[in-house]
Protein backbone atom coordinates (compact mmCIF):
# COMPACT_ATOMS: atom_id res chain seq x y z
CA UNK A 1 -32.31 72.85 -41.81
CA UNK A 2 -32.05 75.57 -44.44
CA UNK A 3 -29.38 78.28 -44.15
CA UNK A 4 -32.00 80.75 -42.84
CA UNK A 5 -32.73 78.50 -39.83
CA UNK A 6 -36.13 77.35 -41.09
CA UNK A 7 -36.49 73.65 -41.76
CA UNK A 8 -37.78 72.52 -45.12
CA UNK A 9 -41.27 71.03 -45.39
CA UNK A 10 -41.37 67.24 -45.09
CA UNK A 11 -41.93 66.70 -48.82
CA UNK A 12 -38.99 68.92 -49.82
CA UNK A 13 -36.38 66.97 -47.86
CA UNK A 14 -35.90 64.20 -50.43
CA UNK A 15 -37.60 62.48 -53.37
CA UNK A 16 -38.93 59.61 -51.22
CA UNK A 17 -40.65 62.07 -48.89
CA UNK A 18 -42.10 63.92 -51.86
CA UNK A 19 -43.51 60.71 -53.33
CA UNK A 20 -44.96 59.73 -49.93
CA UNK A 21 -46.55 63.18 -49.54
CA UNK A 22 -48.13 63.06 -53.01
CA UNK A 23 -49.49 59.55 -52.29
CA UNK A 24 -50.86 60.67 -48.90
CA UNK A 25 -52.62 63.68 -50.45
CA UNK A 26 -54.09 61.41 -53.15
CA UNK A 27 -55.31 58.99 -50.46
CA UNK A 28 -57.37 61.83 -48.97
CA UNK A 29 -58.69 62.93 -52.38
CA UNK A 30 -56.53 66.07 -52.47
CA UNK A 31 -58.55 67.49 -49.57
CA UNK A 32 -57.81 68.98 -46.20
CA UNK A 33 -58.61 66.17 -43.76
CA UNK A 34 -60.27 68.66 -41.40
CA UNK A 35 -62.56 70.84 -43.56
CA UNK A 36 -62.49 68.82 -46.84
CA UNK A 37 -61.41 71.81 -48.94
CA UNK A 38 -59.96 70.47 -52.20
CA UNK A 39 -56.43 71.67 -52.90
CA UNK A 40 -53.42 70.31 -54.71
CA UNK A 41 -50.47 68.66 -52.98
CA UNK A 42 -48.48 71.88 -53.27
CA UNK A 43 -51.16 74.01 -51.58
CA UNK A 44 -52.01 71.66 -48.71
CA UNK A 45 -49.75 72.04 -45.70
CA UNK A 46 -47.85 69.30 -43.93
CA UNK A 47 -49.26 68.99 -40.42
CA UNK A 48 -47.56 66.87 -37.80
CA UNK A 49 -50.32 65.10 -35.83
CA UNK A 50 -48.03 65.08 -32.80
CA UNK A 51 -45.99 68.27 -33.18
CA UNK A 52 -42.25 67.83 -33.40
CA UNK A 53 -41.75 70.01 -30.30
CA UNK A 54 -43.80 67.43 -28.36
CA UNK A 55 -41.67 64.56 -29.64
CA UNK A 56 -43.59 63.77 -32.83
CA UNK A 57 -41.61 62.30 -35.69
CA UNK A 58 -41.07 64.01 -39.04
CA UNK A 59 -42.33 60.85 -40.74
CA UNK A 60 -45.26 60.08 -43.04
CA UNK A 61 -47.20 58.19 -40.36
CA UNK A 62 -47.29 61.37 -38.23
CA UNK A 63 -48.39 63.65 -41.06
CA UNK A 64 -51.79 64.73 -42.31
CA UNK A 65 -52.67 67.21 -45.09
CA UNK A 66 -54.39 70.38 -43.86
CA UNK A 67 -55.24 73.67 -45.55
CA UNK A 68 -53.53 76.76 -44.13
CA UNK A 69 -56.51 77.95 -42.01
CA UNK A 70 -57.05 74.50 -40.45
CA UNK A 71 -53.35 74.07 -39.76
CA UNK A 72 -53.16 77.51 -38.15
CA UNK A 73 -56.26 76.72 -36.07
CA UNK A 74 -54.86 73.40 -34.89
CA UNK A 75 -51.67 75.19 -33.83
CA UNK A 76 -49.93 73.00 -31.22
CA UNK A 77 -52.74 70.53 -30.55
CA UNK A 78 -52.43 66.82 -31.27
CA UNK A 79 -55.69 66.47 -33.19
CA UNK A 80 -55.70 63.55 -35.64
CA UNK A 81 -58.31 64.02 -38.37
CA UNK A 82 -57.19 61.01 -40.43
CA UNK A 83 -58.92 58.18 -38.57
CA UNK A 84 -62.50 59.19 -39.24
CA UNK A 85 -61.93 60.91 -42.60
CA UNK A 86 -63.87 58.33 -44.63
CA UNK A 87 -66.82 58.32 -42.21
CA UNK A 88 -67.04 62.13 -42.09
CA UNK A 89 -66.55 62.36 -45.87
CA UNK A 90 -69.36 59.85 -46.58
CA UNK A 91 -71.74 61.66 -44.19
CA UNK A 92 -70.98 64.95 -45.91
CA UNK A 93 -71.71 63.44 -49.34
CA UNK A 94 -75.21 62.19 -48.36
């Protein structure tokens, strides 16, 4: 936790996390997995599928990239947009 009491984002904690975050964002084509808005890895937010306050891990397999509005809208829900990303993306592209 930082000296101001706010924990650092997942990708800022160490180099391995940063590399995992960049790879995850690339996997989803640099897009928010909810609304498909294209943003860079620095502008997408780290969203915990299962929020940490509900026992979710601060690990790459519990993280999905969301834009700020989608992350704020999800709030404390446990919505996982990753599973059907490819299907929704291909339907959108038709």
